[in-house]
Amino acid sequence: MSGFWDVTPKGEMRLHLHEGQARAWLSKRRFVFMLAGTQSGKTVFGPHFLYREIRETGPGDYLAVTPTFPLLKLKMLPEFLALFRDTLRLGEWKAGDRVFQFHREPTRVIFGSATHPESLESATAKGAWLDEVGQDDFKLDSWEAILRRLSLHRGRVLGTTTLYNVGWLKQQIYDPWLRGDSDIDVIQFDSLANPAFPRDEYERAQRTLPNWKFRLFYQALFTRPAGMIYSDFVDEYREQGGHKVTPFPIPWQWPCYVGVDFGPVHTALVWVAEDNTRYPSAFYVYRESLEGGKTNRQHAMQALGLARQENVVKWFGGAKSEGALREEWELAGVPVQAPFVSEIELQLDKVIELLKQHRLFVFDTCKGLLDDIATYSRKVDASGQPTDEIRDDNKYHYGAALRYVISGQLEATQNQGIVLGVRMRRR
């Protein structure tokens, strides 16, 4: 028994739902996302929702996913086992396999980690509970892997989370819900929705925390966190003053450039077209890819096949030290140039320069890059102020490819202008 539920004299479990939990419980939509303040009753709600889904949908496999396995052990798993194993005695927890196996029916709950998408790829699932789905470690590719696992049965999803950033959760869930997507239901409530949450603690946090942190963590309101590197990116369409655009056919006469981020597991490519019919010119990111399981030659040949259908004139990629990888691509027919500017901060400055000038736009189909842009940030200190250190820079593959290609082309253009100027003076 807990404050969240009790047992009636007839032996029936009775839930004590506050308003936010009740709205999520009554929702009939396929994707139900509970965006809520800290300690507001998110994680304790998840097992009950999942249990009802199993009872209504029937035997099979179900998913329970957290950003990391340590977080699974800390929050999700104890709440799950308290209901499924200790109270309802439905089955057995197999720690080695991270699977809860029911006793009397062929039903399993498979636990996975968003930082290890391969842990989500083996099952055909009928439903899923995703806890702390808004954390930085819960990346877009994990969400897409979960959707693939649920596609056969069109399984329902419950997402429970405090807010941490304005990445894919806002772009792929919250914004479509605001626009009226009938598959999605978003239920937002702050910490005080939980009757047991102390008001004086809420008010203390409001007095002492930076405003952005209080809005995210206690009020469940999307706000740009401190330290966002691309804070000049406006997550709206160009018609509303933003940097996103609806895809359109790229005119053949526009030169195109490709940024490549080499990786031992995944190689990322970002394709950029330049509208040089206007002055100053504008740049449009129109394609992205992040793939693994191929040799460098195979990656290069695949990219070359696409480039032959378009006006691709330059390729930029890799760190200065990755000359051997560039040579492999060149042997396959793709002359990838090393960055003219090797310092990350200077590369970032070139991207930010275009954003400030409203000369860089991203097709709304480039979901991975948009997520990278929205979550790429610097570490913050104990007082919530940004430091110079970039957080998890090696995880942002699309972002790296973008800064390679933008800084590379802008520097190439500038250097060309300098050379032309010297030649004219000599004449």
Protein backbone atom coordinates (compact mmCIF):
# COMPACT_ATOMS: atom_id res chain seq x y z
CA MET A 1 0.00 0.00 0.00
CA SER A 2 1.15 3.58 -0.67
CA GLY A 3 -0.30 7.08 -0.63
CA PHE A 4 -1.00 6.65 -4.34
CA TRP A 5 -3.24 3.56 -3.95
CA ASP A 6 -4.89 1.31 -1.41
CA VAL A 7 -7.00 -1.86 -1.32
CA THR A 8 -10.76 -1.76 -0.77
CA PRO A 9 -12.53 -4.18 1.64
CA LYS A 10 -13.44 -6.25 -1.45
CA GLY A 11 -9.75 -6.68 -2.27
CA GLU A 12 -9.76 -4.29 -5.23
CA MET A 13 -6.93 -1.85 -5.83
CA ARG A 14 -8.06 1.77 -5.73
CA LEU A 15 -5.93 4.57 -7.19
CA HIS A 16 -5.89 8.08 -5.71
CA LEU A 17 -5.22 10.18 -8.79
CA HIS A 18 -4.69 13.91 -8.75
CA GLU A 19 -6.07 15.94 -11.65
CA GLY A 20 -3.02 15.59 -13.90
CA GLN A 21 -2.76 11.84 -13.39
CA ALA A 22 -6.51 11.44 -13.96
CA ARG A 23 -6.28 13.22 -17.31
CA ALA A 24 -3.52 10.87 -18.42
CA TRP A 25 -5.46 7.84 -17.15
CA LEU A 26 -8.59 8.80 -19.10
CA SER A 27 -6.79 9.64 -22.35
CA LYS A 28 -7.59 7.31 -25.26
CA ARG A 29 -4.90 8.60 -27.60
CA ARG A 30 -2.02 6.47 -28.79
CA PHE A 31 0.81 8.65 -27.48
CA VAL A 32 0.20 10.01 -23.98
CA PHE A 33 2.94 12.24 -22.59
CA MET A 34 2.89 13.40 -18.99
CA LEU A 35 5.16 16.46 -18.76
CA ALA A 36 5.31 17.36 -15.12
CA GLY A 37 7.26 19.04 -12.36
CA THR A 38 9.64 17.20 -10.08
CA GLN A 39 8.06 14.87 -7.49
CA SER A 40 4.61 15.39 -8.99
CA GLY A 41 3.66 11.73 -9.33
CA LYS A 42 5.00 10.71 -12.73
CA THR A 43 7.03 7.57 -12.14
CA VAL A 44 4.63 6.10 -9.57
CA PHE A 45 1.87 6.40 -12.18
CA GLY A 46 3.72 4.52 -14.93
CA PRO A 47 3.43 0.91 -13.67
CA HIS A 48 -0.33 1.20 -13.19
CA PHE A 49 -0.83 2.59 -16.68
CA LEU A 50 1.32 -0.20 -18.14
CA TYR A 51 -0.50 -2.88 -16.14
CA ARG A 52 -3.86 -1.68 -17.43
CA GLU A 53 -2.48 -1.65 -20.98
CA ILE A 54 -1.31 -5.28 -20.63
CA ARG A 55 -4.69 -6.36 -19.28
CA GLU A 56 -6.57 -4.63 -22.10
CA THR A 57 -4.23 -5.47 -24.98
CA GLY A 58 -3.37 -9.03 -24.05
CA PRO A 59 -0.29 -11.28 -23.78
CA GLY A 60 2.89 -10.31 -25.58
CA ASP A 61 5.96 -8.18 -25.16
CA TYR A 62 5.95 -4.69 -23.68
CA LEU A 63 8.75 -2.14 -23.24
CA ALA A 64 9.89 -0.11 -20.23
CA VAL A 65 12.63 2.35 -21.18
CA THR A 66 14.71 4.92 -19.29
CA PRO A 67 17.58 7.13 -20.54
CA THR A 68 20.26 5.04 -18.78
CA PHE A 69 20.49 1.74 -16.94
CA PRO A 70 21.63 3.42 -13.67
CA LEU A 71 18.47 5.54 -13.77
CA LEU A 72 16.45 2.39 -14.38
CA LYS A 73 17.72 0.89 -11.13
CA LEU A 74 17.20 4.13 -9.24
CA LYS A 75 13.62 5.03 -10.20
CA MET A 76 11.68 3.01 -12.74
CA LEU A 77 12.52 -0.54 -11.70
CA PRO A 78 11.71 -0.18 -7.95
CA GLU A 79 8.29 1.32 -8.74
CA PHE A 80 7.59 -1.37 -11.33
CA LEU A 81 8.60 -4.30 -9.13
CA ALA A 82 6.67 -2.94 -6.15
CA LEU A 83 3.48 -3.32 -8.19
CA PHE A 84 4.10 -6.21 -10.60
CA ARG A 85 6.16 -8.50 -8.36
CA ASP A 86 5.55 -7.60 -4.73
CA THR A 87 1.88 -6.60 -4.79
CA LEU A 88 0.28 -8.36 -7.76
CA ARG A 89 2.73 -11.31 -7.79
CA LEU A 90 2.49 -11.48 -11.56
CA GLY A 91 5.89 -12.92 -12.32
CA GLU A 92 9.65 -13.00 -11.88
CA TRP A 93 12.34 -10.37 -12.46
CA LYS A 94 15.27 -11.77 -14.47
CA ALA A 95 18.02 -9.29 -13.78
CA GLY A 96 20.54 -10.76 -16.23
CA ASP A 97 18.16 -10.35 -19.16
CA ARG A 98 16.47 -7.20 -17.81
CA VAL A 99 13.12 -8.88 -18.40
CA PHE A 100 10.06 -9.36 -16.19
CA GLN A 101 8.45 -12.69 -17.11
CA PHE A 102 4.81 -13.34 -16.20
CA HIS A 103 4.02 -16.65 -14.48
CA ARG A 104 0.75 -17.70 -16.10
CA GLU A 105 0.85 -16.19 -19.56
CA PRO A 106 3.37 -15.54 -22.37
CA THR A 107 3.90 -11.91 -21.41
CA ARG A 108 7.18 -10.09 -20.85
CA VAL A 109 8.15 -6.55 -19.97
CA ILE A 110 11.53 -5.84 -21.57
CA PHE A 111 13.58 -3.08 -19.95
CA GLY A 112 15.83 -0.99 -22.17
CA SER A 113 18.10 2.03 -22.12
CA ALA A 114 17.85 4.94 -24.54
CA THR A 115 21.63 5.28 -24.53
CA HIS A 116 21.84 1.72 -25.87
CA PRO A 117 19.30 1.66 -28.74
CA GLU A 118 20.36 -1.89 -29.57
CA SER A 119 18.60 -2.98 -26.36
CA LEU A 120 15.33 -1.88 -27.98
CA GLU A 121 15.71 -3.52 -31.38
CA SER A 122 14.93 -7.18 -30.69
CA ALA A 123 11.26 -7.12 -29.64
CA THR A 124 7.94 -6.68 -31.37
CA ALA A 125 6.11 -4.85 -28.62
CA LYS A 126 2.44 -4.08 -27.92
CA GLY A 127 2.96 -1.08 -25.66
CA ALA A 128 5.63 0.98 -23.90
CA TRP A 129 6.27 3.12 -20.85
CA LEU A 130 9.11 5.63 -21.22
CA ASP A 131 10.28 7.30 -18.02
CA GLU A 132 12.27 10.55 -18.02
CA VAL A 133 11.91 10.59 -21.78
CA GLY A 134 12.83 14.30 -21.83
CA GLN A 135 16.38 13.84 -20.55
CA ASP A 136 19.31 14.72 -22.79
CA ASP A 137 20.39 11.07 -22.97
CA PHE A 138 17.02 10.02 -24.44
CA LYS A 139 17.88 10.78 -28.06
CA LEU A 140 15.73 10.91 -31.15
CA ASP A 141 17.13 7.66 -32.57
CA SER A 142 15.95 5.82 -29.44
CA TRP A 143 12.43 7.21 -29.83
CA GLU A 144 12.43 6.13 -33.47
CA ALA A 145 13.67 2.65 -32.50
CA ILE A 146 10.77 2.35 -30.03
CA LEU A 147 8.27 3.36 -32.71
CA ARG A 148 9.62 0.61 -34.97
CA ARG A 149 9.14 -1.96 -32.22
CA LEU A 150 5.52 -0.84 -31.74
CA SER A 151 4.58 -0.42 -35.39
CA LEU A 152 3.14 -3.91 -36.03
CA HIS A 153 0.59 -3.64 -33.21
CA ARG A 154 0.32 0.17 -33.26
CA GLY A 155 1.18 -0.05 -29.57
CA ARG A 156 0.38 2.78 -27.18
CA VAL A 157 3.04 4.83 -25.40
CA LEU A 158 3.08 6.51 -22.03
CA GLY A 159 5.89 9.04 -21.64
CA THR A 160 6.56 10.47 -18.17
CA THR A 161 9.18 13.14 -17.62
CA THR A 162 10.38 16.36 -16.12
CA LEU A 163 11.54 18.80 -18.82
CA TYR A 164 15.23 19.28 -19.50
CA ASN A 165 15.61 20.80 -22.97
CA VAL A 166 13.75 21.90 -26.10
CA GLY A 167 14.87 18.99 -28.30
CA TRP A 168 12.93 16.27 -30.10
CA LEU A 169 10.30 15.92 -27.35
CA LYS A 170 9.16 19.47 -28.04
CA GLN A 171 9.63 19.28 -31.80
CA GLN A 172 8.15 15.82 -32.46
CA ILE A 173 5.56 15.56 -29.66
CA TYR A 174 4.63 18.87 -28.05
CA ASP A 175 4.53 21.06 -31.16
CA PRO A 176 2.46 18.58 -33.23
CA TRP A 177 0.07 18.24 -30.26
CA LEU A 178 -0.37 22.02 -30.21
CA ARG A 179 -1.13 21.89 -33.93
CA GLY A 180 -3.89 19.35 -33.29
CA ASP A 181 -2.31 15.94 -33.93
CA SER A 182 -5.06 13.50 -32.97
CA ASP A 183 -2.63 10.70 -32.03
CA ILE A 184 -0.92 12.72 -29.30
CA ASP A 185 -2.08 13.83 -25.88
CA VAL A 186 0.12 16.04 -23.70
CA ILE A 187 -0.76 16.50 -20.04
CA GLN A 188 1.26 19.21 -18.28
CA PHE A 189 1.22 20.02 -14.59
CA ASP A 190 3.64 21.46 -12.06
CA SER A 191 4.93 20.01 -8.83
CA LEU A 192 2.08 21.43 -6.77
CA ALA A 193 -0.39 19.22 -8.64
CA ASN A 194 0.78 16.56 -6.19
CA PRO A 195 -1.11 17.35 -2.96
CA ALA A 196 1.79 15.97 -0.95
CA PHE A 197 4.36 18.37 -2.44
CA PRO A 198 5.31 21.05 0.16
CA ARG A 199 4.36 24.52 -0.99
CA ASP A 200 7.19 26.12 1.00
CA GLU A 201 9.68 23.92 -0.89
CA TYR A 202 8.12 25.02 -4.18
CA GLU A 203 8.39 28.68 -3.16
CA ARG A 204 11.98 28.20 -1.97
CA ALA A 205 12.92 26.80 -5.39
CA GLN A 206 11.16 29.69 -7.09
CA ARG A 207 13.15 32.22 -5.00
CA THR A 208 16.56 30.62 -5.32
CA LEU A 209 16.78 28.85 -8.68
CA PRO A 210 17.48 30.53 -12.03
CA ASN A 211 14.18 31.20 -13.76
CA TRP A 212 14.90 28.78 -16.62
CA LYS A 213 15.60 25.93 -14.21
CA PHE A 214 12.50 26.56 -12.10
CA ARG A 215 10.27 26.72 -15.19
CA LEU A 216 11.65 23.45 -16.55
CA PHE A 217 11.96 21.38 -13.38
CA TYR A 218 9.04 22.59 -11.26
CA GLN A 219 6.51 24.12 -13.67
CA ALA A 220 7.01 21.75 -16.63
CA LEU A 221 7.20 24.66 -19.08
CA PHE A 222 9.48 24.50 -22.10
CA THR A 223 12.26 27.05 -21.68
CA ARG A 224 15.71 27.36 -23.21
CA PRO A 225 18.22 26.10 -20.63
CA ALA A 226 21.29 28.15 -19.83
CA GLY A 227 24.33 27.34 -21.93
CA MET A 228 22.57 26.57 -25.22
CA ILE A 229 25.18 27.07 -27.92
CA TYR A 230 22.70 27.73 -30.71
CA SER A 231 20.47 30.02 -28.67
CA ASP A 232 20.09 32.19 -31.77
CA PHE A 233 18.24 29.39 -33.56
CA VAL A 234 14.52 30.18 -33.59
CA ASP A 235 12.43 27.00 -33.57
CA GLU A 236 9.74 28.42 -35.83
CA TYR A 237 9.18 28.49 -39.55
CA ARG A 238 10.74 31.23 -41.64
CA GLU A 239 7.33 32.85 -42.15
CA GLN A 240 7.14 33.34 -38.35
CA GLY A 241 10.69 34.66 -38.14
CA GLY A 242 12.33 31.29 -37.49
CA HIS A 243 14.99 29.10 -39.08
CA LYS A 244 12.89 26.11 -40.17
CA VAL A 245 11.47 25.69 -43.68
CA THR A 246 9.13 23.27 -45.38
CA PRO A 247 11.08 21.16 -47.93
CA PHE A 248 11.16 22.41 -51.53
CA PRO A 249 13.01 21.25 -54.67
CA ILE A 250 16.58 22.54 -54.69
CA PRO A 251 17.25 24.46 -57.94
CA TRP A 252 19.95 22.78 -60.00
CA GLN A 253 21.99 25.96 -60.30
CA TRP A 254 22.43 26.24 -56.53
CA PRO A 255 25.82 24.83 -55.45
CA CYS A 256 25.62 22.16 -52.75
CA TYR A 257 28.08 21.18 -50.06
CA VAL A 258 28.27 18.15 -47.78
CA GLY A 259 29.58 17.98 -44.22
CA VAL A 260 30.88 14.62 -43.01
CA ASP A 261 31.43 13.53 -39.43
CA PHE A 262 33.41 10.29 -39.41
CA GLY A 263 32.73 7.85 -36.61
CA PRO A 264 33.72 4.31 -35.60
CA VAL A 265 30.04 3.37 -35.14
CA HIS A 266 28.10 5.98 -37.11
CA THR A 267 28.96 8.38 -39.91
CA ALA A 268 26.84 11.51 -40.19
CA LEU A 269 26.27 13.59 -43.32
CA VAL A 270 24.62 16.98 -43.61
CA TRP A 271 23.77 18.34 -47.08
CA VAL A 272 23.61 22.11 -47.60
CA ALA A 273 22.48 24.11 -50.65
CA GLU A 274 23.48 27.74 -51.19
CA ASP A 275 21.07 30.20 -52.75
CA ASN A 276 23.68 32.39 -54.42
CA THR A 277 21.10 34.29 -56.47
CA ARG A 278 20.66 36.66 -53.54
CA TYR A 279 23.20 38.78 -51.68
CA PRO A 280 24.28 37.86 -49.19
CA SER A 281 23.59 34.23 -50.03
CA ALA A 282 21.45 31.94 -47.88
CA PHE A 283 22.12 28.32 -46.92
CA TYR A 284 19.55 25.52 -46.64
CA VAL A 285 20.19 22.19 -44.89
CA TYR A 286 18.07 19.84 -46.98
CA ARG A 287 19.22 16.32 -46.09
CA GLU A 288 20.82 14.42 -43.23
CA SER A 289 21.87 10.86 -42.55
CA LEU A 290 23.40 8.89 -39.69
CA GLU A 291 24.32 5.33 -40.58
CA GLY A 292 26.53 2.52 -39.34
CA GLY A 293 27.46 -1.01 -40.34
CA LYS A 294 29.38 0.14 -43.43
CA THR A 295 33.02 0.60 -44.37
CA ASN A 296 34.28 4.09 -45.16
CA ARG A 297 34.32 3.15 -48.83
CA GLN A 298 30.68 2.05 -48.68
CA HIS A 299 29.68 5.29 -46.94
CA ALA A 300 31.54 7.27 -49.60
CA MET A 301 30.06 5.35 -52.55
CA GLN A 302 26.53 5.78 -51.21
CA ALA A 303 27.05 9.52 -50.75
CA LEU A 304 28.61 9.81 -54.21
CA GLY A 305 25.55 8.19 -55.76
CA LEU A 306 23.33 10.91 -54.29
CA ALA A 307 25.79 13.68 -55.18
CA ARG A 308 25.78 12.73 -58.88
CA GLN A 309 22.10 13.62 -59.02
CA GLU A 310 22.72 17.07 -57.55
CA ASN A 311 25.08 19.98 -57.95
CA VAL A 312 27.46 18.97 -55.14
CA VAL A 313 30.70 20.90 -55.54
CA LYS A 314 32.52 20.50 -52.21
CA TRP A 315 32.83 18.12 -49.28
CA PHE A 316 34.12 19.07 -45.83
CA GLY A 317 34.68 16.84 -42.86
CA GLY A 318 36.58 15.36 -40.00
CA ALA A 319 39.04 16.79 -37.55
CA LYS A 320 42.53 17.77 -38.70
CA SER A 321 43.81 14.46 -37.33
CA GLU A 322 41.45 12.35 -39.48
CA GLY A 323 43.48 12.56 -42.67
CA ALA A 324 43.52 8.79 -43.15
CA LEU A 325 39.71 8.69 -43.22
CA ARG A 326 39.60 11.49 -45.77
CA GLU A 327 42.06 9.54 -47.92
CA GLU A 328 39.75 6.50 -47.87
CA TRP A 329 36.86 8.64 -49.08
CA GLU A 330 39.03 10.23 -51.75
CA LEU A 331 40.04 6.80 -53.06
CA ALA A 332 36.32 6.12 -53.45
CA GLY A 333 35.93 9.30 -55.49
CA VAL A 334 34.86 11.76 -52.78
CA PRO A 335 37.43 14.52 -52.11
CA VAL A 336 36.60 15.48 -48.52
CA GLN A 337 38.50 18.58 -47.48
CA ALA A 338 39.88 19.11 -44.00
CA PRO A 339 38.39 22.06 -42.11
CA PHE A 340 40.17 25.33 -42.80
CA VAL A 341 39.45 26.19 -39.16
CA SER A 342 40.28 23.41 -36.70
CA GLU A 343 39.14 25.06 -33.46
CA ILE A 344 35.61 24.02 -32.52
CA GLU A 345 34.75 27.43 -31.09
CA LEU A 346 35.67 29.16 -34.35
CA GLN A 347 33.63 26.63 -36.33
CA LEU A 348 30.66 27.28 -34.08
CA ASP A 349 31.09 31.03 -34.56
CA LYS A 350 30.56 30.60 -38.30
CA VAL A 351 27.26 28.76 -37.79
CA ILE A 352 26.09 31.28 -35.21
CA GLU A 353 27.03 34.12 -37.55
CA LEU A 354 24.66 32.78 -40.23
CA LEU A 355 21.88 32.23 -37.68
CA LYS A 356 22.18 35.79 -36.43
CA GLN A 357 22.09 37.09 -40.00
CA HIS A 358 19.07 34.87 -40.75
CA ARG A 359 20.95 33.18 -43.59
CA LEU A 360 20.84 29.57 -42.41
CA PHE A 361 17.65 27.49 -42.64
CA VAL A 362 16.89 23.83 -41.96
CA PHE A 363 14.31 21.63 -43.68
CA ASP A 364 11.86 20.40 -41.05
CA THR A 365 12.56 16.84 -42.23
CA CYS A 366 16.09 17.02 -40.79
CA LYS A 367 14.89 15.88 -37.37
CA GLY A 368 18.26 14.68 -36.09
CA LEU A 369 20.00 17.97 -36.80
CA LEU A 370 17.13 19.96 -35.32
CA ASP A 371 17.42 17.89 -32.15
CA ASP A 372 21.18 18.45 -32.02
CA ILE A 373 20.74 22.20 -32.46
CA ALA A 374 18.15 22.34 -29.69
CA THR A 375 20.18 20.35 -27.13
CA TYR A 376 23.81 21.25 -27.92
CA SER A 377 25.01 23.14 -24.86
CA ARG A 378 27.78 24.02 -22.48
CA LYS A 379 28.06 22.63 -19.00
CA VAL A 380 26.69 24.84 -16.25
CA ASP A 381 28.26 25.40 -12.86
CA ALA A 382 26.64 24.94 -9.45
CA SER A 383 24.95 28.34 -9.71
CA GLY A 384 23.41 27.49 -13.08
CA GLN A 385 25.77 29.65 -15.12
CA PRO A 386 27.34 28.36 -18.38
CA THR A 387 31.00 27.38 -18.44
CA ASP A 388 33.33 27.22 -21.45
CA GLU A 389 33.16 23.41 -21.56
CA ILE A 390 30.85 21.82 -24.14
CA ARG A 391 28.74 18.98 -22.77
CA ASP A 392 29.14 15.61 -24.53
CA ASP A 393 30.47 17.17 -27.74
CA ASN A 394 31.31 13.75 -29.23
CA LYS A 395 27.61 12.71 -29.19
CA TYR A 396 26.45 15.45 -31.57
CA HIS A 397 27.27 13.94 -34.96
CA TYR A 398 24.84 15.99 -37.05
CA GLY A 399 26.01 19.14 -35.31
CA ALA A 400 29.65 18.33 -36.05
CA ALA A 401 28.90 17.75 -39.74
CA LEU A 402 27.06 21.09 -39.84
CA ARG A 403 29.91 23.11 -38.36
CA TYR A 404 32.42 21.39 -40.68
CA VAL A 405 30.50 22.28 -43.84
CA ILE A 406 29.44 25.79 -42.86
CA SER A 407 32.82 26.88 -41.52
CA GLY A 408 34.55 25.16 -44.43
CA GLN A 409 32.53 26.89 -47.13
CA LEU A 410 32.56 30.32 -45.48
CA GLU A 411 36.32 30.15 -45.02
CA ALA A 412 36.79 28.92 -48.58
CA THR A 413 34.72 31.85 -49.88
CA GLN A 414 36.65 34.32 -47.74
CA ASN A 415 40.02 32.92 -48.83
CA GLN A 416 38.95 33.04 -52.46
CA GLY A 417 38.02 36.70 -52.03
CA ILE A 418 41.44 37.43 -50.54
CA VAL A 419 43.23 35.71 -53.44
CA LEU A 420 41.15 37.59 -56.04
CA GLY A 421 41.91 40.85 -54.25
CA VAL A 422 45.65 40.18 -54.33
CA ARG A 423 45.52 39.30 -58.03
CA MET A 424 43.68 42.52 -58.89
CA ARG A 425 46.17 44.64 -56.98
CA ARG A 426 49.03 42.96 -58.83
CA ARG A 427 47.48 43.96 -62.13
